[in-house]
Amino acid sequence: MDSFSSASSGSSSSTNDIMDQVKTQLAQAYAEQFLETVRDKCFDKCITKPGSSLSGSEGSCISRCVDRYIEATGIISKALFSQR
């Protein structure tokens, strides 16, 4: 292999590593934003009297709220990606 070929394959590997790091960072940022949004929306909707523990109705409300939010996000994602 000549020096150009080995340099170009090394550059390609480096570029792939950088792209993988960017994808990982974007996925982490998306997950953090998703959790923050769910936490904020479900807290506002379900927690009537903040305290040291959740009541049974608050806990089940949060569980349903998170489930609905995850389901809605999945439906939206499928719709967006199927339009490509």
PDB file of N, CA and C in Angstrom:
ATOM      1  N   MET A   1       0.844  -1.173   0.000  1.00  0.00           N
ATOM      2  CA  MET A   1       0.000   0.000   0.000  1.00  0.00           C
ATOM      3  C   MET A   1       0.886   1.231   0.000  1.00  0.00           C
ATOM      4  N   ASP A   2       0.557   2.232  -0.809  1.00  0.00           N
ATOM      5  CA  ASP A   2       1.344   3.455  -0.810  1.00  0.00           C
ATOM      6  C   ASP A   2       0.946   4.344   0.369  1.00  0.00           C
ATOM      7  N   SER A   3       1.730   5.400   0.584  1.00  0.00           N
ATOM      8  CA  SER A   3       1.487   6.260   1.741  1.00  0.00           C
ATOM      9  C   SER A   3       0.141   6.983   1.637  1.00  0.00           C
ATOM     10  N   PHE A   4      -0.310   7.274   0.420  1.00  0.00           N
ATOM     11  CA  PHE A   4      -1.589   7.949   0.264  1.00  0.00           C
ATOM     12  C   PHE A   4      -2.734   7.031   0.692  1.00  0.00           C
ATOM     13  N   SER A   5      -2.689   5.779   0.298  1.00  0.00           N
ATOM     14  CA  SER A   5      -3.741   4.831   0.641  1.00  0.00           C
ATOM     15  C   SER A   5      -3.824   4.624   2.143  1.00  0.00           C
ATOM     16  N   SER A   6      -2.686   4.466   2.796  1.00  0.00           N
ATOM     17  CA  SER A   6      -2.721   4.242   4.239  1.00  0.00           C
ATOM     18  C   SER A   6      -3.169   5.499   4.969  1.00  0.00           C
ATOM     19  N   ALA A   7      -2.792   6.678   4.493  1.00  0.00           N
ATOM     20  CA  ALA A   7      -3.218   7.928   5.126  1.00  0.00           C
ATOM     21  C   ALA A   7      -4.712   8.120   4.943  1.00  0.00           C
ATOM     22  N   SER A   8      -5.207   7.787   3.757  1.00  0.00           N
ATOM     23  CA  SER A   8      -6.624   7.986   3.507  1.00  0.00           C
ATOM     24  C   SER A   8      -7.471   6.994   4.290  1.00  0.00           C
ATOM     25  N   SER A   9      -7.018   5.769   4.481  1.00  0.00           N
ATOM     26  CA  SER A   9      -7.794   4.820   5.271  1.00  0.00           C
ATOM     27  C   SER A   9      -7.754   5.198   6.746  1.00  0.00           C
ATOM     28  N   GLY A  10      -6.661   5.751   7.204  1.00  0.00           N
ATOM     29  CA  GLY A  10      -6.586   6.223   8.585  1.00  0.00           C
ATOM     30  C   GLY A  10      -7.514   7.402   8.805  1.00  0.00           C
ATOM     31  N   SER A  11      -7.588   8.272   7.822  1.00  0.00           N
ATOM     32  CA  SER A  11      -8.472   9.433   7.904  1.00  0.00           C
ATOM     33  C   SER A  11      -9.926   8.989   7.930  1.00  0.00           C
ATOM     34  N   SER A  12     -10.262   7.993   7.136  1.00  0.00           N
ATOM     35  CA  SER A  12     -11.624   7.472   7.096  1.00  0.00           C
ATOM     36  C   SER A  12     -12.008   6.880   8.449  1.00  0.00           C
ATOM     37  N   SER A  13     -11.088   6.142   9.050  1.00  0.00           N
ATOM     38  CA  SER A  13     -11.328   5.558  10.365  1.00  0.00           C
ATOM     39  C   SER A  13     -11.530   6.645  11.410  1.00  0.00           C
ATOM     40  N   SER A  14     -10.703   7.680  11.334  1.00  0.00           N
ATOM     41  CA  SER A  14     -10.811   8.791  12.262  1.00  0.00           C
ATOM     42  C   SER A  14     -12.138   9.524  12.094  1.00  0.00           C
ATOM     43  N   THR A  15     -12.550   9.722  10.847  1.00  0.00           N
ATOM     44  CA  THR A  15     -13.822  10.377  10.567  1.00  0.00           C
ATOM     45  C   THR A  15     -14.985   9.549  11.102  1.00  0.00           C
ATOM     46  N   ASN A  16     -14.914   8.233  10.913  1.00  0.00           N
ATOM     47  CA  ASN A  16     -15.965   7.355  11.436  1.00  0.00           C
ATOM     48  C   ASN A  16     -16.023   7.414  12.959  1.00  0.00           C
ATOM     49  N   ASP A  17     -14.872   7.458  13.606  1.00  0.00           N
ATOM     50  CA  ASP A  17     -14.836   7.562  15.067  1.00  0.00           C
ATOM     51  C   ASP A  17     -15.484   8.861  15.534  1.00  0.00           C
ATOM     52  N   ILE A  18     -15.171   9.939  14.845  1.00  0.00           N
ATOM     53  CA  ILE A  18     -15.753  11.239  15.205  1.00  0.00           C
ATOM     54  C   ILE A  18     -17.259  11.218  14.986  1.00  0.00           C
ATOM     55  N   MET A  19     -17.697  10.653  13.868  1.00  0.00           N
ATOM     56  CA  MET A  19     -19.136  10.567  13.595  1.00  0.00           C
ATOM     57  C   MET A  19     -19.843   9.721  14.658  1.00  0.00           C
ATOM     58  N   ASP A  20     -19.217   8.626  15.078  1.00  0.00           N
ATOM     59  CA  ASP A  20     -19.799   7.789  16.132  1.00  0.00           C
ATOM     60  C   ASP A  20     -19.906   8.563  17.445  1.00  0.00           C
ATOM     61  N   GLN A  21     -18.893   9.350  17.766  1.00  0.00           N
ATOM     62  CA  GLN A  21     -18.934  10.161  18.981  1.00  0.00           C
ATOM     63  C   GLN A  21     -20.045  11.205  18.904  1.00  0.00           C
ATOM     64  N   VAL A  22     -20.192  11.834  17.752  1.00  0.00           N
ATOM     65  CA  VAL A  22     -21.244  12.839  17.579  1.00  0.00           C
ATOM     66  C   VAL A  22     -22.618  12.186  17.705  1.00  0.00           C
ATOM     67  N   LYS A  23     -22.790  11.022  17.077  1.00  0.00           N
ATOM     68  CA  LYS A  23     -24.066  10.309  17.177  1.00  0.00           C
ATOM     69  C   LYS A  23     -24.371   9.944  18.627  1.00  0.00           C
ATOM     70  N   THR A  24     -23.379   9.491  19.360  1.00  0.00           N
ATOM     71  CA  THR A  24     -23.562   9.142  20.773  1.00  0.00           C
ATOM     72  C   THR A  24     -23.948  10.370  21.591  1.00  0.00           C
ATOM     73  N   GLN A  25     -23.263  11.481  21.340  1.00  0.00           N
ATOM     74  CA  GLN A  25     -23.572  12.709  22.074  1.00  0.00           C
ATOM     75  C   GLN A  25     -24.975  13.217  21.737  1.00  0.00           C
ATOM     76  N   LEU A  26     -25.369  13.130  20.475  1.00  0.00           N
ATOM     77  CA  LEU A  26     -26.716  13.545  20.092  1.00  0.00           C
ATOM     78  C   LEU A  26     -27.778  12.656  20.724  1.00  0.00           C
ATOM     79  N   ALA A  27     -27.531  11.358  20.750  1.00  0.00           N
ATOM     80  CA  ALA A  27     -28.478  10.435  21.373  1.00  0.00           C
ATOM     81  C   ALA A  27     -28.609  10.721  22.862  1.00  0.00           C
ATOM     82  N   GLN A  28     -27.492  10.998  23.516  1.00  0.00           N
ATOM     83  CA  GLN A  28     -27.524  11.315  24.936  1.00  0.00           C
ATOM     84  C   GLN A  28     -28.274  12.628  25.173  1.00  0.00           C
ATOM     85  N   ALA A  29     -28.024  13.632  24.358  1.00  0.00           N
ATOM     86  CA  ALA A  29     -28.713  14.916  24.503  1.00  0.00           C
ATOM     87  C   ALA A  29     -30.214  14.746  24.269  1.00  0.00           C
ATOM     88  N   TYR A  30     -30.581  13.936  23.278  1.00  0.00           N
ATOM     89  CA  TYR A  30     -31.993  13.674  23.008  1.00  0.00           C
ATOM     90  C   TYR A  30     -32.645  12.977  24.193  1.00  0.00           C
ATOM     91  N   ALA A  31     -31.971  11.985  24.748  1.00  0.00           N
ATOM     92  CA  ALA A  31     -32.516  11.251  25.895  1.00  0.00           C
ATOM     93  C   ALA A  31     -32.697  12.173  27.097  1.00  0.00           C
ATOM     94  N   GLU A  32     -31.716  13.035  27.347  1.00  0.00           N
ATOM     95  CA  GLU A  32     -31.825  13.974  28.463  1.00  0.00           C
ATOM     96  C   GLU A  32     -32.982  14.946  28.245  1.00  0.00           C
ATOM     97  N   GLN A  33     -33.126  15.451  27.039  1.00  0.00           N
ATOM     98  CA  GLN A  33     -34.223  16.375  26.730  1.00  0.00           C
ATOM     99  C   GLN A  33     -35.568  15.667  26.865  1.00  0.00           C
ATOM    100  N   PHE A  34     -35.641  14.447  26.383  1.00  0.00           N
ATOM    101  CA  PHE A  34     -36.859  13.654  26.469  1.00  0.00           C
ATOM    102  C   PHE A  34     -37.264  13.464  27.930  1.00  0.00           C
ATOM    103  N   LEU A  35     -36.315  13.057  28.760  1.00  0.00           N
ATOM    104  CA  LEU A  35     -36.616  12.845  30.178  1.00  0.00           C
ATOM    105  C   LEU A  35     -37.013  14.140  30.874  1.00  0.00           C
ATOM    106  N   GLU A  36     -36.353  15.228  30.538  1.00  0.00           N
ATOM    107  CA  GLU A  36     -36.692  16.518  31.143  1.00  0.00           C
ATOM    108  C   GLU A  36     -38.111  16.942  30.753  1.00  0.00           C
ATOM    109  N   THR A  37     -38.465  16.758  29.500  1.00  0.00           N
ATOM    110  CA  THR A  37     -39.801  17.121  29.035  1.00  0.00           C
ATOM    111  C   THR A  37     -40.861  16.273  29.716  1.00  0.00           C
ATOM    112  N   VAL A  38     -40.631  14.961  29.762  1.00  0.00           N
ATOM    113  CA  VAL A  38     -41.583  14.060  30.415  1.00  0.00           C
ATOM    114  C   VAL A  38     -41.719  14.436  31.889  1.00  0.00           C
ATOM    115  N   ARG A  39     -40.594  14.652  32.530  1.00  0.00           N
ATOM    116  CA  ARG A  39     -40.620  14.989  33.952  1.00  0.00           C
ATOM    117  C   ARG A  39     -41.420  16.269  34.194  1.00  0.00           C
ATOM    118  N   ASP A  40     -41.146  17.287  33.408  1.00  0.00           N
ATOM    119  CA  ASP A  40     -41.843  18.562  33.580  1.00  0.00           C
ATOM    120  C   ASP A  40     -43.337  18.431  33.309  1.00  0.00           C
ATOM    121  N   LYS A  41     -43.696  17.857  32.178  1.00  0.00           N
ATOM    122  CA  LYS A  41     -45.103  17.759  31.796  1.00  0.00           C
ATOM    123  C   LYS A  41     -45.882  16.862  32.756  1.00  0.00           C
ATOM    124  N   CYS A  42     -45.322  15.720  33.090  1.00  0.00           N
ATOM    125  CA  CYS A  42     -46.031  14.789  33.957  1.00  0.00           C
ATOM    126  C   CYS A  42     -46.091  15.304  35.396  1.00  0.00           C
ATOM    127  N   PHE A  43     -45.043  15.968  35.832  1.00  0.00           N
ATOM    128  CA  PHE A  43     -45.059  16.542  37.177  1.00  0.00           C
ATOM    129  C   PHE A  43     -46.159  17.593  37.275  1.00  0.00           C
ATOM    130  N   ASP A  44     -46.194  18.505  36.306  1.00  0.00           N
ATOM    131  CA  ASP A  44     -47.202  19.570  36.313  1.00  0.00           C
ATOM    132  C   ASP A  44     -48.616  19.005  36.283  1.00  0.00           C
ATOM    133  N   LYS A  45     -48.806  17.933  35.538  1.00  0.00           N
ATOM    134  CA  LYS A  45     -50.136  17.351  35.382  1.00  0.00           C
ATOM    135  C   LYS A  45     -50.541  16.517  36.597  1.00  0.00           C
ATOM    136  N   CYS A  46     -49.606  15.793  37.188  1.00  0.00           N
ATOM    137  CA  CYS A  46     -49.966  14.758  38.156  1.00  0.00           C
ATOM    138  C   CYS A  46     -49.724  15.105  39.632  1.00  0.00           C
ATOM    139  N   ILE A  47     -48.785  15.965  39.907  1.00  0.00           N
ATOM    140  CA  ILE A  47     -48.436  16.232  41.301  1.00  0.00           C
ATOM    141  C   ILE A  47     -49.229  17.441  41.793  1.00  0.00           C
ATOM    142  N   THR A  48     -50.182  17.174  42.661  1.00  0.00           N
ATOM    143  CA  THR A  48     -51.034  18.253  43.160  1.00  0.00           C
ATOM    144  C   THR A  48     -50.480  18.876  44.430  1.00  0.00           C
ATOM    145  N   LYS A  49     -49.881  18.050  45.271  1.00  0.00           N
ATOM    146  CA  LYS A  49     -49.307  18.533  46.531  1.00  0.00           C
ATOM    147  C   LYS A  49     -47.902  17.943  46.684  1.00  0.00           C
ATOM    148  N   PRO A  50     -46.878  18.668  46.217  1.00  0.00           N
ATOM    149  CA  PRO A  50     -45.515  18.136  46.343  1.00  0.00           C
ATOM    150  C   PRO A  50     -45.192  17.822  47.809  1.00  0.00           C
ATOM    151  N   GLY A  51     -44.581  16.685  48.014  1.00  0.00           N
ATOM    152  CA  GLY A  51     -44.192  16.259  49.349  1.00  0.00           C
ATOM    153  C   GLY A  51     -43.035  15.296  49.276  1.00  0.00           C
ATOM    154  N   SER A  52     -42.845  14.556  50.340  1.00  0.00           N
ATOM    155  CA  SER A  52     -41.707  13.638  50.396  1.00  0.00           C
ATOM    156  C   SER A  52     -41.982  12.311  49.698  1.00  0.00           C
ATOM    157  N   SER A  53     -43.243  12.036  49.373  1.00  0.00           N
ATOM    158  CA  SER A  53     -43.569  10.800  48.661  1.00  0.00           C
ATOM    159  C   SER A  53     -44.796  11.024  47.789  1.00  0.00           C
ATOM    160  N   LEU A  54     -45.004  10.108  46.855  1.00  0.00           N
ATOM    161  CA  LEU A  54     -46.146  10.197  45.952  1.00  0.00           C
ATOM    162  C   LEU A  54     -47.333   9.448  46.538  1.00  0.00           C
ATOM    163  N   SER A  55     -48.509  10.001  46.323  1.00  0.00           N
ATOM    164  CA  SER A  55     -49.707   9.245  46.675  1.00  0.00           C
ATOM    165  C   SER A  55     -49.923   8.186  45.602  1.00  0.00           C
ATOM    166  N   GLY A  56     -50.803   7.246  45.856  1.00  0.00           N
ATOM    167  CA  GLY A  56     -51.087   6.201  44.874  1.00  0.00           C
ATOM    168  C   GLY A  56     -51.619   6.770  43.581  1.00  0.00           C
ATOM    169  N   SER A  57     -52.509   7.751  43.671  1.00  0.00           N
ATOM    170  CA  SER A  57     -53.076   8.329  42.450  1.00  0.00           C
ATOM    171  C   SER A  57     -52.027   9.128  41.685  1.00  0.00           C
ATOM    172  N   GLU A  58     -51.127   9.803  42.396  1.00  0.00           N
ATOM    173  CA  GLU A  58     -50.055  10.541  41.724  1.00  0.00           C
ATOM    174  C   GLU A  58     -49.112   9.586  41.001  1.00  0.00           C
ATOM    175  N   GLY A  59     -48.764   8.497  41.661  1.00  0.00           N
ATOM    176  CA  GLY A  59     -47.869   7.508  41.042  1.00  0.00           C
ATOM    177  C   GLY A  59     -48.469   6.891  39.794  1.00  0.00           C
ATOM    178  N   SER A  60     -49.750   6.527  39.854  1.00  0.00           N
ATOM    179  CA  SER A  60     -50.377   5.928  38.670  1.00  0.00           C
ATOM    180  C   SER A  60     -50.568   6.970  37.572  1.00  0.00           C
ATOM    181  N   CYS A  61     -50.844   8.228  37.953  1.00  0.00           N
ATOM    182  CA  CYS A  61     -50.958   9.307  36.957  1.00  0.00           C
ATOM    183  C   CYS A  61     -49.627   9.496  36.232  1.00  0.00           C
ATOM    184  N   ILE A  62     -48.543   9.532  36.977  1.00  0.00           N
ATOM    185  CA  ILE A  62     -47.226   9.700  36.360  1.00  0.00           C
ATOM    186  C   ILE A  62     -46.914   8.532  35.434  1.00  0.00           C
ATOM    187  N   SER A  63     -47.216   7.333  35.889  1.00  0.00           N
ATOM    188  CA  SER A  63     -46.962   6.150  35.062  1.00  0.00           C
ATOM    189  C   SER A  63     -47.740   6.221  33.747  1.00  0.00           C
ATOM    190  N   ARG A  64     -49.019   6.561  33.812  1.00  0.00           N
ATOM    191  CA  ARG A  64     -49.829   6.682  32.591  1.00  0.00           C
ATOM    192  C   ARG A  64     -49.323   7.818  31.705  1.00  0.00           C
ATOM    193  N   CYS A  65     -48.952   8.935  32.331  1.00  0.00           N
ATOM    194  CA  CYS A  65     -48.458  10.093  31.582  1.00  0.00           C
ATOM    195  C   CYS A  65     -47.182   9.742  30.807  1.00  0.00           C
ATOM    196  N   VAL A  66     -46.250   9.099  31.467  1.00  0.00           N
ATOM    197  CA  VAL A  66     -44.992   8.708  30.820  1.00  0.00           C
ATOM    198  C   VAL A  66     -45.273   7.708  29.699  1.00  0.00           C
ATOM    199  N   ASP A  67     -46.134   6.726  29.962  1.00  0.00           N
ATOM    200  CA  ASP A  67     -46.479   5.745  28.928  1.00  0.00           C
ATOM    201  C   ASP A  67     -47.083   6.418  27.701  1.00  0.00           C
ATOM    202  N   ARG A  68     -47.993   7.357  27.911  1.00  0.00           N
ATOM    203  CA  ARG A  68     -48.625   8.064  26.785  1.00  0.00           C
ATOM    204  C   ARG A  68     -47.604   8.903  26.022  1.00  0.00           C
ATOM    205  N   TYR A  69     -46.719   9.570  26.757  1.00  0.00           N
ATOM    206  CA  TYR A  69     -45.717  10.405  26.108  1.00  0.00           C
ATOM    207  C   TYR A  69     -44.771   9.556  25.260  1.00  0.00           C
ATOM    208  N   ILE A  70     -44.347   8.423  25.790  1.00  0.00           N
ATOM    209  CA  ILE A  70     -43.467   7.519  25.044  1.00  0.00           C
ATOM    210  C   ILE A  70     -44.193   6.984  23.813  1.00  0.00           C
ATOM    211  N   GLU A  71     -45.447   6.605  23.972  1.00  0.00           N
ATOM    212  CA  GLU A  71     -46.232   6.104  22.840  1.00  0.00           C
ATOM    213  C   GLU A  71     -46.388   7.182  21.766  1.00  0.00           C
ATOM    214  N   ALA A  72     -46.716   8.399  22.179  1.00  0.00           N
ATOM    215  CA  ALA A  72     -46.892   9.494  21.222  1.00  0.00           C
ATOM    216  C   ALA A  72     -45.591   9.793  20.494  1.00  0.00           C
ATOM    217  N   THR A  73     -44.487   9.789  21.212  1.00  0.00           N
ATOM    218  CA  THR A  73     -43.186  10.039  20.591  1.00  0.00           C
ATOM    219  C   THR A  73     -42.867   8.956  19.561  1.00  0.00           C
ATOM    220  N   GLY A  74     -43.192   7.712  19.879  1.00  0.00           N
ATOM    221  CA  GLY A  74     -42.976   6.612  18.937  1.00  0.00           C
ATOM    222  C   GLY A  74     -43.805   6.767  17.676  1.00  0.00           C
ATOM    223  N   ILE A  75     -45.064   7.161  17.840  1.00  0.00           N
ATOM    224  CA  ILE A  75     -45.947   7.352  16.685  1.00  0.00           C
ATOM    225  C   ILE A  75     -45.419   8.480  15.800  1.00  0.00           C
ATOM    226  N   ILE A  76     -45.022   9.580  16.422  1.00  0.00           N
ATOM    227  CA  ILE A  76     -44.494  10.716  15.667  1.00  0.00           C
ATOM    228  C   ILE A  76     -43.214  10.332  14.939  1.00  0.00           C
ATOM    229  N   SER A  77     -42.321   9.616  15.629  1.00  0.00           N
ATOM    230  CA  SER A  77     -41.058   9.191  15.009  1.00  0.00           C
ATOM    231  C   SER A  77     -41.310   8.292  13.806  1.00  0.00           C
ATOM    232  N   LYS A  78     -42.221   7.333  13.951  1.00  0.00           N
ATOM    233  CA  LYS A  78     -42.526   6.440  12.831  1.00  0.00           C
ATOM    234  C   LYS A  78     -43.079   7.220  11.651  1.00  0.00           C
ATOM    235  N   ALA A  79     -43.959   8.171  11.938  1.00  0.00           N
ATOM    236  CA  ALA A  79     -44.550   8.974  10.857  1.00  0.00           C
ATOM    237  C   ALA A  79     -43.484   9.803  10.149  1.00  0.00           C
ATOM    238  N   LEU A  80     -42.582  10.403  10.920  1.00  0.00           N
ATOM    239  CA  LEU A  80     -41.538  11.223  10.314  1.00  0.00           C
ATOM    240  C   LEU A  80     -40.576  10.398   9.473  1.00  0.00           C
ATOM    241  N   PHE A  81     -40.150   9.247   9.984  1.00  0.00           N
ATOM    242  CA  PHE A  81     -39.164   8.443   9.284  1.00  0.00           C
ATOM    243  C   PHE A  81     -39.751   7.664   8.123  1.00  0.00           C
ATOM    244  N   SER A  82     -41.050   7.429   8.130  1.00  0.00           N
ATOM    245  CA  SER A  82     -41.655   6.706   7.014  1.00  0.00           C
ATOM    246  C   SER A  82     -41.895   7.610   5.815  1.00  0.00           C
ATOM    247  N   GLN A  83     -41.801   8.936   6.013  1.00  0.00           N
ATOM    248  CA  GLN A  83     -42.016   9.879   4.914  1.00  0.00           C
ATOM    249  C   GLN A  83     -40.768  10.068   4.068  1.00  0.00           C
ATOM    250  N   ARG A  84     -39.670   9.515   4.465  1.00  0.00           N
ATOM    251  CA  ARG A  84     -38.406   9.698   3.716  1.00  0.00           C
ATOM    252  C   ARG A  84     -38.441   9.068   2.384  1.00  0.00           C
TER     253      ARG A  84
END
